[in-house]
Amino acid sequence: MDYLNKNEFGIIDIIRKCYRKDNTSSADEDLAIIEFQDIIEILRNFKVDTVYTTSKLVTSLLKQQIEPLLDKKNETGKGNKKKKKEIFVPIESGDFEFEKVQLPANIFRTSRELNIKTLYSPSDQGIRGIAKGLNSKNINLNPEDYRREQYKQLLS
């Protein structure tokens, strides 16, 4: 708790109420979501500049709450060559999946950039996924060490 306070970290679940469709499974796909946390209200009331998620599902759920509030009419170019600007812009950072999005002042009280950083899941299923990815790239590393290194790099 001291670490969180000292480094101004908050922790919250994106899902407020849910149940497991299959009690023997820990897979994200087996969650039945009843109620979401109001992430928009949190972003309005706190000057959050970075959100760390612990799975691609959580990142997707976060983006689903933010995206409807953003201006999707941002287009560049002329005539038939108009190209829609990306709302969630990928950030280059090696193996890690990051995105950024511009939060407008008219909705979020202050205009600011929000970074969304998807961490490797802390679950056993996450470890299996990391191991599979490392094996497919012929990288001979312990998946727990690989995940720990990502967390150290991003959270210190």
N, C-alpha and C. Protein backbone atom coordinates (compact mmCIF):
# COMPACT_ATOMS: atom_id res chain seq x y z
N MET A 1 0.82 -1.19 0.00
CA MET A 1 0.00 0.00 0.00
C MET A 1 0.87 1.26 0.00
N ASP A 2 1.96 1.24 0.75
CA ASP A 2 2.86 2.38 0.79
C ASP A 2 3.43 2.66 -0.60
N TYR A 3 3.79 1.59 -1.32
CA TYR A 3 4.34 1.73 -2.68
C TYR A 3 3.31 2.42 -3.58
N LEU A 4 2.06 1.98 -3.49
CA LEU A 4 1.01 2.56 -4.33
C LEU A 4 0.82 4.05 -4.02
N ASN A 5 0.74 4.39 -2.75
CA ASN A 5 0.58 5.80 -2.37
C ASN A 5 1.78 6.64 -2.78
N LYS A 6 2.96 6.14 -2.49
CA LYS A 6 4.19 6.88 -2.79
C LYS A 6 4.32 7.16 -4.29
N ASN A 7 3.93 6.19 -5.12
CA ASN A 7 4.08 6.31 -6.57
C ASN A 7 2.79 6.73 -7.27
N GLU A 8 1.78 7.11 -6.49
CA GLU A 8 0.49 7.59 -7.01
C GLU A 8 -0.15 6.60 -7.97
N PHE A 9 -0.23 5.34 -7.55
CA PHE A 9 -0.91 4.30 -8.30
C PHE A 9 -2.25 4.01 -7.65
N GLY A 10 -3.26 3.80 -8.46
CA GLY A 10 -4.54 3.33 -7.97
C GLY A 10 -4.84 1.99 -8.63
N ILE A 11 -5.60 1.16 -7.96
CA ILE A 11 -5.97 -0.14 -8.51
C ILE A 11 -7.48 -0.24 -8.47
N ILE A 12 -8.06 -0.68 -9.59
CA ILE A 12 -9.50 -0.83 -9.67
C ILE A 12 -9.82 -1.92 -10.69
N ASP A 13 -10.88 -2.66 -10.43
CA ASP A 13 -11.37 -3.63 -11.41
C ASP A 13 -12.25 -2.88 -12.40
N ILE A 14 -12.17 -3.25 -13.66
CA ILE A 14 -13.02 -2.61 -14.68
C ILE A 14 -14.43 -3.19 -14.63
N ILE A 15 -14.55 -4.37 -14.06
CA ILE A 15 -15.86 -5.03 -13.93
C ILE A 15 -16.30 -4.93 -12.47
N ARG A 16 -17.48 -4.37 -12.27
CA ARG A 16 -18.00 -4.21 -10.90
C ARG A 16 -18.71 -5.49 -10.43
N LYS A 17 -19.51 -6.09 -11.32
CA LYS A 17 -20.24 -7.31 -10.96
C LYS A 17 -20.19 -8.29 -12.13
N CYS A 18 -19.90 -9.55 -11.80
CA CYS A 18 -19.87 -10.58 -12.82
C CYS A 18 -20.01 -11.95 -12.16
N TYR A 19 -20.17 -12.96 -12.98
CA TYR A 19 -20.12 -14.33 -12.49
C TYR A 19 -19.47 -15.19 -13.57
N ARG A 20 -19.06 -16.37 -13.18
CA ARG A 20 -18.44 -17.30 -14.12
C ARG A 20 -19.51 -18.21 -14.72
N LYS A 21 -19.55 -18.29 -16.04
CA LYS A 21 -20.49 -19.19 -16.71
C LYS A 21 -20.11 -20.64 -16.43
N ASP A 22 -18.81 -20.87 -16.30
CA ASP A 22 -18.28 -22.21 -16.04
C ASP A 22 -17.35 -22.09 -14.83
N ASN A 23 -17.78 -22.60 -13.69
CA ASN A 23 -17.01 -22.44 -12.46
C ASN A 23 -15.67 -23.17 -12.46
N THR A 24 -15.43 -24.00 -13.45
CA THR A 24 -14.15 -24.72 -13.50
C THR A 24 -13.14 -23.99 -14.38
N SER A 25 -13.55 -22.89 -14.99
CA SER A 25 -12.68 -22.16 -15.91
C SER A 25 -12.30 -20.80 -15.35
N SER A 26 -11.04 -20.41 -15.59
CA SER A 26 -10.61 -19.06 -15.20
C SER A 26 -10.47 -18.16 -16.43
N ALA A 27 -10.91 -18.65 -17.58
CA ALA A 27 -10.77 -17.90 -18.84
C ALA A 27 -11.66 -16.66 -18.84
N ASP A 28 -11.12 -15.58 -19.39
CA ASP A 28 -11.88 -14.33 -19.51
C ASP A 28 -13.18 -14.54 -20.28
N GLU A 29 -13.15 -15.42 -21.27
CA GLU A 29 -14.33 -15.66 -22.10
C GLU A 29 -15.48 -16.25 -21.30
N ASP A 30 -15.18 -16.85 -20.14
CA ASP A 30 -16.22 -17.47 -19.32
C ASP A 30 -16.80 -16.53 -18.27
N LEU A 31 -16.48 -15.24 -18.37
CA LEU A 31 -17.08 -14.24 -17.49
C LEU A 31 -18.40 -13.76 -18.08
N ALA A 32 -19.41 -13.70 -17.25
CA ALA A 32 -20.66 -13.06 -17.63
C ALA A 32 -20.69 -11.73 -16.89
N ILE A 33 -20.57 -10.65 -17.62
CA ILE A 33 -20.46 -9.32 -17.00
C ILE A 33 -21.85 -8.75 -16.78
N ILE A 34 -22.10 -8.37 -15.53
CA ILE A 34 -23.39 -7.79 -15.16
C ILE A 34 -23.30 -6.27 -15.13
N GLU A 35 -22.20 -5.75 -14.56
CA GLU A 35 -22.06 -4.30 -14.41
C GLU A 35 -20.58 -3.90 -14.51
N PHE A 36 -20.33 -2.83 -15.25
CA PHE A 36 -18.99 -2.29 -15.39
C PHE A 36 -18.74 -1.18 -14.38
N GLN A 37 -17.48 -0.99 -14.03
CA GLN A 37 -17.05 0.16 -13.26
C GLN A 37 -17.21 1.40 -14.17
N ASP A 38 -17.57 2.54 -13.63
CA ASP A 38 -17.72 3.74 -14.45
C ASP A 38 -16.34 4.40 -14.63
N ILE A 39 -15.61 3.91 -15.61
CA ILE A 39 -14.25 4.38 -15.88
C ILE A 39 -14.27 5.84 -16.35
N ILE A 40 -15.29 6.22 -17.08
CA ILE A 40 -15.38 7.60 -17.58
C ILE A 40 -15.44 8.57 -16.41
N GLU A 41 -16.22 8.25 -15.40
CA GLU A 41 -16.33 9.13 -14.23
C GLU A 41 -14.99 9.22 -13.50
N ILE A 42 -14.28 8.14 -13.42
CA ILE A 42 -12.95 8.15 -12.79
C ILE A 42 -12.00 9.03 -13.59
N LEU A 43 -12.02 8.90 -14.92
CA LEU A 43 -11.15 9.72 -15.77
C LEU A 43 -11.52 11.20 -15.69
N ARG A 44 -12.80 11.48 -15.46
CA ARG A 44 -13.23 12.88 -15.32
C ARG A 44 -12.74 13.48 -14.01
N ASN A 45 -12.76 12.70 -12.95
CA ASN A 45 -12.52 13.24 -11.61
C ASN A 45 -11.08 13.10 -11.11
N PHE A 46 -10.26 12.35 -11.82
CA PHE A 46 -8.87 12.18 -11.41
C PHE A 46 -7.97 12.40 -12.62
N LYS A 47 -6.84 13.01 -12.42
CA LYS A 47 -5.93 13.29 -13.53
C LYS A 47 -5.08 12.05 -13.82
N VAL A 48 -5.71 11.08 -14.41
CA VAL A 48 -5.07 9.83 -14.78
C VAL A 48 -4.40 10.03 -16.14
N ASP A 49 -3.11 9.70 -16.24
CA ASP A 49 -2.45 9.82 -17.54
C ASP A 49 -2.03 8.48 -18.10
N THR A 50 -2.02 7.43 -17.27
CA THR A 50 -1.67 6.09 -17.74
C THR A 50 -2.55 5.06 -17.05
N VAL A 51 -3.07 4.13 -17.84
CA VAL A 51 -3.84 3.02 -17.32
C VAL A 51 -3.11 1.74 -17.72
N TYR A 52 -2.85 0.88 -16.75
CA TYR A 52 -2.25 -0.43 -17.00
C TYR A 52 -3.37 -1.45 -16.91
N THR A 53 -3.51 -2.27 -17.93
CA THR A 53 -4.48 -3.35 -17.88
C THR A 53 -3.72 -4.68 -17.81
N THR A 54 -4.42 -5.72 -17.37
CA THR A 54 -3.74 -7.01 -17.21
C THR A 54 -4.20 -8.06 -18.20
N SER A 55 -4.81 -7.63 -19.28
CA SER A 55 -5.15 -8.55 -20.37
C SER A 55 -5.69 -7.76 -21.55
N LYS A 56 -5.70 -8.40 -22.69
CA LYS A 56 -6.26 -7.76 -23.89
C LYS A 56 -7.75 -7.54 -23.72
N LEU A 57 -8.42 -8.46 -22.99
CA LEU A 57 -9.86 -8.29 -22.75
C LEU A 57 -10.11 -7.01 -21.96
N VAL A 58 -9.35 -6.77 -20.92
CA VAL A 58 -9.54 -5.57 -20.10
C VAL A 58 -9.26 -4.31 -20.93
N THR A 59 -8.23 -4.36 -21.76
CA THR A 59 -7.94 -3.22 -22.65
C THR A 59 -9.13 -2.97 -23.57
N SER A 60 -9.68 -4.03 -24.13
CA SER A 60 -10.83 -3.90 -25.02
C SER A 60 -12.04 -3.31 -24.29
N LEU A 61 -12.30 -3.76 -23.06
CA LEU A 61 -13.43 -3.24 -22.28
C LEU A 61 -13.23 -1.76 -21.94
N LEU A 62 -12.01 -1.38 -21.63
CA LEU A 62 -11.69 0.02 -21.35
C LEU A 62 -11.96 0.88 -22.59
N LYS A 63 -11.46 0.43 -23.72
CA LYS A 63 -11.64 1.18 -24.97
C LYS A 63 -13.12 1.28 -25.36
N GLN A 64 -13.90 0.24 -25.06
CA GLN A 64 -15.33 0.27 -25.35
C GLN A 64 -16.05 1.36 -24.58
N GLN A 65 -15.56 1.68 -23.38
CA GLN A 65 -16.18 2.76 -22.60
C GLN A 65 -15.75 4.14 -23.11
N ILE A 66 -14.51 4.26 -23.54
CA ILE A 66 -13.98 5.56 -23.95
C ILE A 66 -14.39 5.93 -25.37
N GLU A 67 -14.31 5.01 -26.29
CA GLU A 67 -14.48 5.31 -27.72
C GLU A 67 -15.78 6.02 -28.09
N PRO A 68 -16.93 5.64 -27.54
CA PRO A 68 -18.17 6.33 -27.95
C PRO A 68 -18.18 7.82 -27.64
N LEU A 69 -17.33 8.26 -26.73
CA LEU A 69 -17.31 9.67 -26.34
C LEU A 69 -16.36 10.52 -27.18
N LEU A 70 -15.59 9.89 -28.03
CA LEU A 70 -14.57 10.60 -28.78
C LEU A 70 -15.05 10.97 -30.17
N ASP A 71 -14.46 12.02 -30.73
CA ASP A 71 -14.79 12.50 -32.06
C ASP A 71 -14.21 11.54 -33.09
N LYS A 72 -15.09 10.81 -33.76
CA LYS A 72 -14.65 9.85 -34.76
C LYS A 72 -14.58 10.47 -36.16
N LYS A 73 -14.90 11.75 -36.27
CA LYS A 73 -14.93 12.40 -37.56
C LYS A 73 -13.58 12.97 -37.96
N ASN A 74 -12.56 12.69 -37.18
CA ASN A 74 -11.21 13.18 -37.50
C ASN A 74 -10.74 12.52 -38.79
N GLU A 75 -10.75 13.26 -39.87
CA GLU A 75 -10.29 12.72 -41.15
C GLU A 75 -9.23 13.63 -41.72
N THR A 76 -8.32 13.03 -42.44
CA THR A 76 -7.28 13.80 -43.11
C THR A 76 -7.37 13.52 -44.60
N GLY A 77 -6.83 14.40 -45.39
CA GLY A 77 -6.84 14.22 -46.85
C GLY A 77 -8.03 14.90 -47.49
N LYS A 78 -8.12 14.78 -48.83
CA LYS A 78 -9.18 15.44 -49.57
C LYS A 78 -9.90 14.44 -50.47
N GLY A 79 -11.16 14.73 -50.75
CA GLY A 79 -11.94 13.93 -51.69
C GLY A 79 -11.99 12.46 -51.31
N ASN A 80 -11.74 11.60 -52.33
CA ASN A 80 -11.80 10.16 -52.13
C ASN A 80 -10.63 9.62 -51.32
N LYS A 81 -9.63 10.47 -51.10
CA LYS A 81 -8.43 10.02 -50.39
C LYS A 81 -8.49 10.32 -48.89
N LYS A 82 -9.71 10.59 -48.39
CA LYS A 82 -9.85 10.86 -46.97
C LYS A 82 -9.52 9.59 -46.18
N LYS A 83 -8.78 9.79 -45.12
CA LYS A 83 -8.38 8.68 -44.27
C LYS A 83 -8.75 9.01 -42.83
N LYS A 84 -9.45 8.09 -42.20
CA LYS A 84 -9.86 8.29 -40.81
C LYS A 84 -8.64 8.20 -39.90
N LYS A 85 -8.49 9.20 -39.02
CA LYS A 85 -7.39 9.16 -38.06
C LYS A 85 -7.67 8.06 -37.04
N GLU A 86 -6.62 7.44 -36.58
CA GLU A 86 -6.77 6.43 -35.55
C GLU A 86 -7.13 7.11 -34.24
N ILE A 87 -8.08 6.55 -33.52
CA ILE A 87 -8.46 7.09 -32.22
C ILE A 87 -7.47 6.60 -31.17
N PHE A 88 -7.20 5.31 -31.18
CA PHE A 88 -6.23 4.71 -30.27
C PHE A 88 -4.96 4.47 -31.07
N VAL A 89 -3.96 5.27 -30.82
CA VAL A 89 -2.73 5.27 -31.61
C VAL A 89 -1.70 4.34 -30.95
N PRO A 90 -1.19 3.35 -31.71
CA PRO A 90 -0.17 2.46 -31.13
C PRO A 90 1.10 3.21 -30.77
N ILE A 91 1.71 2.81 -29.66
CA ILE A 91 2.98 3.38 -29.22
C ILE A 91 4.05 2.32 -29.44
N GLU A 92 5.13 2.68 -30.12
CA GLU A 92 6.23 1.75 -30.35
C GLU A 92 6.97 1.48 -29.06
N SER A 93 7.03 0.21 -28.66
CA SER A 93 7.78 -0.12 -27.44
C SER A 93 8.08 -1.61 -27.38
N GLY A 94 8.86 -2.09 -28.32
CA GLY A 94 9.31 -3.49 -28.29
C GLY A 94 8.18 -4.48 -28.28
N ASP A 95 8.24 -5.40 -27.31
CA ASP A 95 7.25 -6.48 -27.21
C ASP A 95 5.93 -6.04 -26.60
N PHE A 96 5.90 -4.89 -25.97
CA PHE A 96 4.74 -4.51 -25.18
C PHE A 96 3.71 -3.78 -26.03
N GLU A 97 2.44 -3.99 -25.70
CA GLU A 97 1.35 -3.38 -26.44
C GLU A 97 0.86 -2.14 -25.72
N PHE A 98 1.12 -0.99 -26.31
CA PHE A 98 0.70 0.28 -25.74
C PHE A 98 -0.10 1.04 -26.79
N GLU A 99 -0.99 1.89 -26.30
CA GLU A 99 -1.74 2.78 -27.17
C GLU A 99 -1.91 4.10 -26.42
N LYS A 100 -2.19 5.13 -27.18
CA LYS A 100 -2.52 6.41 -26.56
C LYS A 100 -3.78 6.94 -27.23
N VAL A 101 -4.50 7.75 -26.48
CA VAL A 101 -5.73 8.36 -26.97
C VAL A 101 -5.82 9.76 -26.39
N GLN A 102 -6.33 10.68 -27.17
CA GLN A 102 -6.49 12.06 -26.71
C GLN A 102 -7.87 12.20 -26.07
N LEU A 103 -7.89 12.59 -24.80
CA LEU A 103 -9.15 12.81 -24.10
C LEU A 103 -9.51 14.29 -24.20
N PRO A 104 -10.70 14.61 -24.73
CA PRO A 104 -11.07 16.01 -24.91
C PRO A 104 -11.55 16.67 -23.61
N ALA A 105 -11.27 17.95 -23.46
CA ALA A 105 -11.63 18.71 -22.25
C ALA A 105 -13.14 18.80 -22.06
N ASN A 106 -13.90 18.84 -23.13
CA ASN A 106 -15.36 19.00 -22.98
C ASN A 106 -16.02 17.78 -22.30
N ILE A 107 -15.34 16.66 -22.28
CA ILE A 107 -15.87 15.45 -21.63
C ILE A 107 -15.09 15.10 -20.36
N PHE A 108 -13.77 15.30 -20.40
CA PHE A 108 -12.90 14.84 -19.32
C PHE A 108 -12.32 15.98 -18.47
N ARG A 109 -12.91 17.14 -18.53
CA ARG A 109 -12.53 18.34 -17.76
C ARG A 109 -11.21 18.97 -18.18
N THR A 110 -10.22 18.18 -18.52
CA THR A 110 -8.97 18.72 -19.07
C THR A 110 -8.60 17.88 -20.28
N SER A 111 -8.10 18.52 -21.29
CA SER A 111 -7.62 17.80 -22.47
C SER A 111 -6.28 17.18 -22.11
N ARG A 112 -6.16 15.91 -22.34
CA ARG A 112 -4.90 15.23 -22.03
C ARG A 112 -4.79 13.93 -22.80
N GLU A 113 -3.57 13.45 -22.86
CA GLU A 113 -3.31 12.18 -23.51
C GLU A 113 -3.38 11.09 -22.45
N LEU A 114 -4.06 10.00 -22.78
CA LEU A 114 -4.14 8.84 -21.90
C LEU A 114 -3.37 7.70 -22.54
N ASN A 115 -2.42 7.16 -21.81
CA ASN A 115 -1.66 6.00 -22.28
C ASN A 115 -2.31 4.74 -21.72
N ILE A 116 -2.50 3.76 -22.57
CA ILE A 116 -3.07 2.48 -22.16
C ILE A 116 -2.00 1.43 -22.41
N LYS A 117 -1.56 0.78 -21.32
CA LYS A 117 -0.48 -0.19 -21.41
C LYS A 117 -0.99 -1.56 -20.97
N THR A 118 -0.96 -2.50 -21.89
CA THR A 118 -1.44 -3.85 -21.61
C THR A 118 -0.29 -4.69 -21.06
N LEU A 119 -0.41 -5.07 -19.80
CA LEU A 119 0.59 -5.92 -19.15
C LEU A 119 0.25 -7.39 -19.42
N TYR A 120 1.24 -8.24 -19.26
CA TYR A 120 0.97 -9.67 -19.32
C TYR A 120 0.13 -10.03 -18.10
N SER A 121 -0.83 -10.89 -18.30
CA SER A 121 -1.73 -11.28 -17.24
C SER A 121 -0.99 -11.97 -16.09
N PRO A 122 -1.38 -11.68 -14.85
CA PRO A 122 -0.77 -12.34 -13.70
C PRO A 122 -1.29 -13.77 -13.48
N SER A 123 -2.21 -14.21 -14.30
CA SER A 123 -2.82 -15.54 -14.11
C SER A 123 -1.93 -16.67 -14.65
N ASP A 124 -2.25 -17.89 -14.23
CA ASP A 124 -1.57 -19.08 -14.77
C ASP A 124 -1.80 -19.19 -16.27
N GLN A 125 -3.00 -18.84 -16.70
CA GLN A 125 -3.32 -18.87 -18.13
C GLN A 125 -2.44 -17.86 -18.88
N GLY A 126 -2.16 -16.73 -18.25
CA GLY A 126 -1.27 -15.73 -18.83
C GLY A 126 0.13 -16.28 -19.02
N ILE A 127 0.61 -17.01 -18.03
CA ILE A 127 1.95 -17.63 -18.12
C ILE A 127 2.00 -18.61 -19.28
N ARG A 128 0.94 -19.40 -19.43
CA ARG A 128 0.91 -20.36 -20.55
C ARG A 128 0.95 -19.62 -21.89
N GLY A 129 0.24 -18.48 -21.98
CA GLY A 129 0.25 -17.68 -23.21
C GLY A 129 1.63 -17.10 -23.50
N ILE A 130 2.31 -16.61 -22.45
CA ILE A 130 3.66 -16.07 -22.62
C ILE A 130 4.59 -17.18 -23.09
N ALA A 131 4.50 -18.36 -22.46
CA ALA A 131 5.35 -19.50 -22.84
C ALA A 131 5.13 -19.87 -24.30
N LYS A 132 3.88 -19.88 -24.72
CA LYS A 132 3.56 -20.20 -26.11
C LYS A 132 4.19 -19.18 -27.06
N GLY A 133 4.06 -17.89 -26.71
CA GLY A 133 4.65 -16.85 -27.54
C GLY A 133 6.16 -16.93 -27.61
N LEU A 134 6.80 -17.19 -26.47
CA LEU A 134 8.26 -17.32 -26.44
C LEU A 134 8.71 -18.52 -27.27
N ASN A 135 7.99 -19.63 -27.13
CA ASN A 135 8.33 -20.84 -27.90
C ASN A 135 8.19 -20.61 -29.40
N SER A 136 7.13 -19.88 -29.80
CA SER A 136 6.91 -19.64 -31.23
C SER A 136 8.01 -18.76 -31.84
N LYS A 137 8.66 -17.97 -30.98
CA LYS A 137 9.75 -17.10 -31.44
C LYS A 137 11.11 -17.72 -31.15
N ASN A 138 11.11 -18.98 -30.69
CA ASN A 138 12.35 -19.67 -30.32
C ASN A 138 13.18 -18.89 -29.30
N ILE A 139 12.50 -18.30 -28.33
CA ILE A 139 13.18 -17.57 -27.25
C ILE A 139 13.20 -18.47 -26.04
N ASN A 140 14.37 -18.76 -25.54
CA ASN A 140 14.51 -19.68 -24.43
C ASN A 140 14.60 -18.91 -23.10
N LEU A 141 13.43 -18.43 -22.64
CA LEU A 141 13.36 -17.70 -21.37
C LEU A 141 12.24 -18.28 -20.52
N ASN A 142 12.39 -18.18 -19.23
CA ASN A 142 11.35 -18.58 -18.30
C ASN A 142 10.21 -17.56 -18.41
N PRO A 143 8.96 -18.00 -18.67
CA PRO A 143 7.85 -17.04 -18.85
C PRO A 143 7.59 -16.18 -17.62
N GLU A 144 7.78 -16.74 -16.40
CA GLU A 144 7.58 -15.95 -15.19
C GLU A 144 8.59 -14.81 -15.11
N ASP A 145 9.84 -15.11 -15.48
CA ASP A 145 10.88 -14.08 -15.49
C ASP A 145 10.59 -13.01 -16.54
N TYR A 146 10.10 -13.45 -17.70
CA TYR A 146 9.78 -12.54 -18.79
C TYR A 146 8.68 -11.56 -18.34
N ARG A 147 7.64 -12.10 -17.71
CA ARG A 147 6.54 -11.25 -17.22
C ARG A 147 7.05 -10.33 -16.11
N ARG A 148 7.82 -10.87 -15.19
CA ARG A 148 8.36 -10.07 -14.08
C ARG A 148 9.20 -8.91 -14.62
N GLU A 149 9.98 -9.17 -15.66
CA GLU A 149 10.81 -8.12 -16.26
C GLU A 149 9.94 -7.01 -16.86
N GLN A 150 8.84 -7.40 -17.51
CA GLN A 150 7.94 -6.40 -18.06
C GLN A 150 7.37 -5.54 -16.93
N TYR A 151 6.91 -6.15 -15.86
CA TYR A 151 6.33 -5.41 -14.74
C TYR A 151 7.38 -4.47 -14.12
N LYS A 152 8.59 -4.97 -13.93
CA LYS A 152 9.66 -4.13 -13.35
C LYS A 152 9.93 -2.93 -14.24
N GLN A 153 10.05 -3.18 -15.53
CA GLN A 153 10.37 -2.12 -16.48
C GLN A 153 9.29 -1.04 -16.49
N LEU A 154 8.05 -1.45 -16.44
CA LEU A 154 6.95 -0.50 -16.60
C LEU A 154 6.49 0.15 -15.30
N LEU A 155 6.71 -0.51 -14.19
CA LEU A 155 6.16 -0.01 -12.94
C LEU A 155 7.20 0.62 -12.00
N SER A 156 8.46 0.64 -12.42
CA SER A 156 9.46 1.23 -11.53
C SER A 156 9.83 2.64 -11.94
